[in-house]
């Protein structure tokens, strides 16, 4: 086994970490609301809890309004209660077969709180990547001790590993900057 295959083991995990970050950031409210903001809210329905996205179609009805249309009318009350408990700070109303969630404009203080959450999520992602780097580096050292990888290849692998993590770090920064811009608009 050559050192490149050991280094490349980190790529799928790093891609998963980036995808996780993007999903988590979609749940952070910005000035433009998104269905991702509420789709994972748990709704108690018929004795079990299900995510909202399994019970209804969620659409954006403007810059600060979401429209939730349940697949079955019997879900209306449970969805209304779950949205009211969600701590999004908006008004929930039912009209006909649709639940509407109207969210207030973001205050400056709330924007600052969102930026802290954004920063925490980005740091969590960086920590995960560092943990993967440490695991791969340990494996490279073990293989070098066992004679499976030459010493100079071990250090070449370390450089490639760092370069790869720098690329993913730049991706994290780019994603974070875009989200920061959305929050501050």
Protein backbone atom coordinates (compact mmCIF):
# COMPACT_ATOMS: atom_id res chain seq x y z
CA UNK A 1 0.00 0.00 0.00
CA UNK A 2 1.42 3.39 -0.93
CA UNK A 3 1.11 6.55 1.14
CA UNK A 4 -1.30 8.23 -1.31
CA UNK A 5 -4.03 5.70 -0.64
CA UNK A 6 -3.69 6.36 3.10
CA UNK A 7 -3.91 10.13 2.55
CA UNK A 8 -6.89 9.78 0.19
CA UNK A 9 -8.86 7.92 2.86
CA UNK A 10 -9.59 11.29 4.43
CA UNK A 11 -11.31 12.78 1.34
CA UNK A 12 -14.70 11.03 1.67
CA UNK A 13 -14.82 11.87 5.38
CA UNK A 14 -13.88 15.49 4.73
CA UNK A 15 -16.57 15.71 2.04
CA UNK A 16 -19.12 14.37 4.53
CA UNK A 17 -17.98 16.98 7.06
CA UNK A 18 -18.45 19.79 4.52
CA UNK A 19 -21.90 18.45 3.53
CA UNK A 20 -22.86 18.28 7.23
CA UNK A 21 -21.75 21.89 7.71
CA UNK A 22 -23.83 23.02 4.75
CA UNK A 23 -26.93 21.22 6.12
CA UNK A 24 -26.41 22.71 9.57
CA UNK A 25 -25.93 26.22 8.21
CA UNK A 26 -29.12 25.92 6.16
CA UNK A 27 -30.96 25.66 9.48
CA UNK A 28 -29.61 29.04 10.64
CA UNK A 29 -32.07 31.80 9.94
CA UNK A 30 -31.07 34.66 7.71
CA UNK A 31 -33.02 37.63 6.42
CA UNK A 32 -34.41 35.28 3.74
CA UNK A 33 -36.22 32.32 5.34
CA UNK A 34 -35.71 28.82 4.00
CA UNK A 35 -37.73 25.60 4.41
CA UNK A 36 -34.56 24.03 5.89
CA UNK A 37 -35.16 26.26 8.91
CA UNK A 38 -38.15 24.13 10.03
CA UNK A 39 -37.97 20.84 8.14
CA UNK A 40 -36.35 18.93 11.02
CA UNK A 41 -38.67 20.23 13.74
CA UNK A 42 -40.16 17.20 15.48
CA UNK A 43 -43.96 16.96 15.42
CA UNK A 44 -45.82 14.72 17.83
CA UNK A 45 -48.36 12.92 15.72
CA UNK A 46 -50.35 9.78 16.57
CA UNK A 47 -48.14 8.87 19.52
CA UNK A 48 -44.79 9.22 17.78
CA UNK A 49 -42.51 12.06 16.78
CA UNK A 50 -41.77 12.71 13.13
CA UNK A 51 -39.80 15.45 11.39
CA UNK A 52 -42.01 18.10 9.80
CA UNK A 53 -40.64 17.33 6.33
CA UNK A 54 -42.26 13.86 6.53
CA UNK A 55 -45.69 15.31 7.28
CA UNK A 56 -45.98 18.31 4.99
CA UNK A 57 -44.75 20.31 2.04
CA UNK A 58 -42.81 23.37 3.19
CA UNK A 59 -42.47 26.38 0.91
CA UNK A 60 -41.19 29.89 1.27
CA UNK A 61 -44.00 32.40 0.92
CA UNK A 62 -41.87 35.54 0.83
CA UNK A 63 -38.79 36.89 2.56
CA UNK A 64 -40.08 36.19 6.09
CA UNK A 65 -42.92 33.70 5.70
CA UNK A 66 -43.05 29.92 5.39
CA UNK A 67 -46.09 27.97 4.28
CA UNK A 68 -46.58 24.44 5.56
CA UNK A 69 -49.16 22.29 3.77
CA UNK A 70 -49.72 18.95 5.55
CA UNK A 71 -50.22 15.80 3.51
CA UNK A 72 -53.23 15.06 5.72
CA UNK A 73 -55.53 17.63 7.34
CA UNK A 74 -55.39 15.73 10.64
CA UNK A 75 -51.76 16.87 11.10
CA UNK A 76 -52.68 20.58 11.20
CA UNK A 77 -53.04 20.98 14.96
CA UNK A 78 -49.89 18.99 15.78
CA UNK A 79 -47.85 20.99 13.23
CA UNK A 80 -49.19 24.27 14.58
CA UNK A 81 -48.18 23.28 18.14
CA UNK A 82 -44.71 22.14 17.07
CA UNK A 83 -44.04 25.38 15.18
CA UNK A 84 -45.29 27.46 18.13
CA UNK A 85 -42.86 25.58 20.45
CA UNK A 86 -39.93 25.89 18.04
CA UNK A 87 -38.42 29.11 19.52
CA UNK A 88 -38.19 30.74 16.11
CA UNK A 89 -39.95 33.78 17.50
CA UNK A 90 -42.57 33.99 14.79
CA UNK A 91 -46.32 33.98 14.60
CA UNK A 92 -48.09 30.76 13.64
CA UNK A 93 -51.51 30.84 12.03
CA UNK A 94 -53.77 28.29 10.37
CA UNK A 95 -55.87 29.22 7.40
CA UNK A 96 -57.79 26.43 5.72
CA UNK A 97 -55.45 23.50 5.08
CA UNK A 98 -52.27 25.55 5.49
CA UNK A 99 -50.11 26.60 8.44
CA UNK A 100 -48.28 29.89 7.99
CA UNK A 101 -45.21 30.87 9.96
CA UNK A 102 -44.39 34.59 9.85
CA UNK A 103 -41.00 35.54 11.21
CA UNK A 104 -40.04 39.02 12.40
CA UNK A 105 -37.09 40.90 10.91
CA UNK A 106 -33.75 40.00 12.48
CA UNK A 107 -32.59 42.33 15.24
CA UNK A 108 -28.95 43.36 15.48
CA UNK A 109 -28.55 41.41 18.72
CA UNK A 110 -30.05 38.26 17.16
CA UNK A 111 -27.73 38.62 14.15
CA UNK A 112 -24.74 38.68 16.51
CA UNK A 113 -26.02 35.52 18.22
CA UNK A 114 -26.39 33.86 14.81
CA UNK A 115 -22.81 34.80 13.93
CA UNK A 116 -21.62 33.12 17.14
CA UNK A 117 -23.55 29.98 16.21
CA UNK A 118 -22.05 30.13 12.72
CA UNK A 119 -18.57 30.43 14.18
CA UNK A 120 -19.17 27.47 16.53
CA UNK A 121 -20.39 25.25 13.69
CA UNK A 122 -17.40 26.15 11.53
CA UNK A 123 -15.01 25.40 14.40
CA UNK A 124 -16.72 22.05 15.02
CA UNK A 125 -16.12 21.21 11.37
CA UNK A 126 -12.45 22.22 11.62
CA UNK A 127 -12.03 20.07 14.75
CA UNK A 128 -13.46 17.08 12.89
CA UNK A 129 -10.99 17.59 10.05
CA UNK A 130 -8.09 17.91 12.49
CA UNK A 131 -9.16 14.68 14.18
CA UNK A 132 -9.12 12.92 10.79
CA UNK A 133 -5.70 14.38 10.04
CA UNK A 134 -4.36 13.00 13.34
CA UNK A 135 -5.77 9.53 12.62
CA UNK A 136 -4.26 9.42 9.14
CA UNK A 137 -0.91 10.72 10.42
CA UNK A 138 -0.85 8.05 13.11
CA UNK A 139 -1.59 5.39 10.51
CA UNK A 140 1.22 6.72 8.32
CA UNK A 141 3.66 6.60 11.24
CA UNK A 142 2.59 3.05 12.12
CA UNK A 143 3.06 1.93 8.52
CA UNK A 144 6.48 3.59 8.39
CA UNK A 145 7.53 1.78 11.58
CA UNK A 146 6.30 -1.50 10.11
CA UNK A 147 8.35 -0.87 6.97
CA UNK A 148 5.31 -0.61 4.67
CA UNK A 149 6.07 3.03 3.79
CA UNK A 150 9.49 4.62 3.35
CA UNK A 151 10.48 7.44 5.70
CA UNK A 152 10.66 10.10 2.99
CA UNK A 153 7.23 9.01 1.68
CA UNK A 154 5.87 9.46 5.19
CA UNK A 155 6.91 13.12 5.19
CA UNK A 156 5.72 13.60 1.63
CA UNK A 157 2.36 12.20 2.78
CA UNK A 158 2.34 14.60 5.73
CA UNK A 159 2.78 17.55 3.35
CA UNK A 160 0.02 16.27 1.05
CA UNK A 161 -2.25 15.70 4.03
CA UNK A 162 -1.72 19.26 5.23
CA UNK A 163 -2.31 20.63 1.73
CA UNK A 164 -5.55 18.66 1.50
CA UNK A 165 -6.72 19.95 4.87
CA UNK A 166 -5.84 23.51 3.87
CA UNK A 167 -8.10 23.10 0.80
CA UNK A 168 -10.97 21.91 2.99
CA UNK A 169 -10.28 24.73 5.43
CA UNK A 170 -10.69 27.20 2.57
CA UNK A 171 -14.00 25.55 1.66
CA UNK A 172 -15.18 25.96 5.24
CA UNK A 173 -14.17 29.63 5.21
CA UNK A 174 -15.95 30.22 1.89
CA UNK A 175 -19.16 28.59 3.11
CA UNK A 176 -18.94 30.58 6.35
CA UNK A 177 -18.38 33.89 4.57
CA UNK A 178 -21.42 33.32 2.31
CA UNK A 179 -23.59 32.52 5.33
CA UNK A 180 -22.25 35.52 7.26
CA UNK A 181 -23.15 37.75 4.34
CA UNK A 182 -26.70 36.27 4.26
CA UNK A 183 -27.12 36.87 8.01
CA UNK A 184 -25.94 40.48 7.82
CA UNK A 185 -28.11 41.46 4.81
